[in-house]
Amino acid sequence: MTDTATIRLLNYPLRLSLRSRQHFEELIREFQLVDLGTESADGPALPVRLQQLVSEITTTYRAKADEIEALRAPAIARGQATMDLVYDVPSAARPAIERLDSVLEEADEFCRQGEHLLTLATPPDLVQFRRWNLREVLSQLDGAPPTPWSGPAE
């Protein structure tokens, strides 16, 4: 049996999370296009690190984002502004969760450089949301109580 922790993201801002998901999807789509371009012989020469980020984000983190979306979608459809999002996370996922923020920070840096990617870097409010989200998961894996979101709602 897998050791899991129940994660409770309290006062989870649905509109902000939707914007965050849309930005993540834009990045994923561009990364998928970059990945396809590097497979062709005449594709653009990309930094090796960007190629590694493309692979890591599209294969490792997308499935969990889809799972969380399935929990949020009904509340968004009902027009709710916030919800208490509750889901289980395997304790073994800790290294991947710890890594996710740094991977997305690196991706943002490639976006800011504007040389290889067209997607804009993550806006500050979405970075704040992302960091709260990841910090909550990690602290709750350690047994800490949840801390509700207190940032902007949209």
Foldseek 3Di string as FASTA:
>chain_A
DFAKFKFKAAQAFLVLVVVLVVLLVLLLVQLVVLQVQVVDPPRDDDPPLSVVLSVCSNPPPPVVVVVQCVQSVVCVVVVDRGDTRIDMDGLVCVVVLVCVLVSLVVSQVVQVVVPRDVRHRDDPVSNVSSVLVSVRRNVVSVVDDGDYDDDDSD
